[in-house]
Amino acid sequence: MKLIKLTSINNTGDIYVNVEHIGHMYEVKEKISYGRVEVEAHTVVGTVTHNNGGFKVKETVKLIMKAAQL
């Protein structure tokens, strides 16, 4: 088992994910509405053990892949 530490976009703390249970991950672009940022750019990391849609984190897919050594 290998855990990696990811940072929540909501600044609610760190998220530790077992790399063997990552089911999907994708980047979401920043969303601007009426000249202000509504949604920051972030990455969604989903695990095969939960059906919650995934965790929203600050790290990019490339950084997660490097940390997980995938």
Protein backbone atom coordinates (compact mmCIF):
# COMPACT_ATOMS: atom_id res chain seq x y z
CA MET A 1 0.00 0.00 0.00
CA LYS A 2 1.30 3.44 -0.95
CA LEU A 3 -0.41 6.61 0.26
CA ILE A 4 0.03 10.02 -1.32
CA LYS A 5 -0.90 13.33 0.29
CA LEU A 6 -3.14 15.67 -1.70
CA THR A 7 -4.41 19.16 -0.86
CA SER A 8 -8.16 19.88 -0.79
CA ILE A 9 -9.26 22.93 -2.80
CA ASN A 10 -11.51 23.93 0.11
CA ASN A 11 -8.53 24.25 2.49
CA THR A 12 -10.23 21.74 4.79
CA GLY A 13 -7.01 19.80 5.22
CA ASP A 14 -5.00 17.13 3.51
CA ILE A 15 -6.39 14.05 1.79
CA TYR A 16 -4.45 10.78 1.80
CA VAL A 17 -5.21 8.43 -1.08
CA ASN A 18 -4.00 4.87 -1.62
CA VAL A 19 -2.62 4.91 -5.18
CA GLU A 20 -3.82 1.34 -5.74
CA HIS A 21 -7.43 2.54 -5.33
CA ILE A 22 -7.37 5.51 -7.72
CA GLY A 23 -10.11 4.80 -10.24
CA HIS A 24 -10.05 8.03 -12.22
CA MET A 25 -8.63 11.54 -12.24
CA TYR A 26 -9.18 14.52 -14.47
CA GLU A 27 -8.47 18.24 -14.47
CA VAL A 28 -11.23 20.86 -14.35
CA LYS A 29 -10.53 24.26 -15.87
CA GLU A 30 -11.15 27.53 -14.06
CA LYS A 31 -14.68 28.86 -14.53
CA ILE A 32 -15.14 32.63 -14.79
CA SER A 33 -18.56 34.24 -14.61
CA TYR A 34 -19.22 37.98 -14.76
CA GLY A 35 -15.51 38.72 -14.47
CA ARG A 36 -14.86 36.75 -11.30
CA VAL A 37 -13.62 33.22 -10.66
CA GLU A 38 -16.51 30.97 -9.65
CA VAL A 39 -14.57 27.70 -9.66
CA GLU A 40 -10.79 27.45 -9.33
CA ALA A 41 -8.87 25.10 -11.60
CA HIS A 42 -8.53 21.76 -9.82
CA THR A 43 -8.23 18.01 -10.28
CA VAL A 44 -10.85 15.44 -9.35
CA VAL A 45 -9.45 12.15 -8.01
CA GLY A 46 -11.91 9.29 -7.66
CA THR A 47 -11.32 6.06 -5.81
CA VAL A 48 -12.76 2.64 -6.55
CA THR A 49 -13.80 2.24 -2.91
CA HIS A 50 -16.27 5.17 -2.87
CA ASN A 51 -18.98 6.40 -5.19
CA ASN A 52 -18.81 10.04 -4.11
CA GLY A 53 -17.67 11.56 -7.42
CA GLY A 54 -14.12 12.08 -6.23
CA PHE A 55 -12.03 14.47 -4.20
CA LYS A 56 -11.32 17.98 -5.48
CA VAL A 57 -7.61 18.69 -5.04
CA LYS A 58 -5.13 21.40 -5.99
CA GLU A 59 -2.48 19.11 -7.53
CA THR A 60 -2.45 18.48 -11.28
CA VAL A 61 -2.76 15.03 -12.86
CA LYS A 62 0.93 15.22 -13.80
CA LEU A 63 1.99 15.91 -10.19
CA ILE A 64 -0.26 13.11 -8.89
CA MET A 65 1.18 10.66 -11.42
CA LYS A 66 4.71 11.67 -10.39
CA ALA A 67 3.92 11.29 -6.66
CA ALA A 68 2.30 7.91 -7.29
CA GLN A 69 5.10 6.89 -9.66
CA LEU A 70 2.58 5.66 -12.24
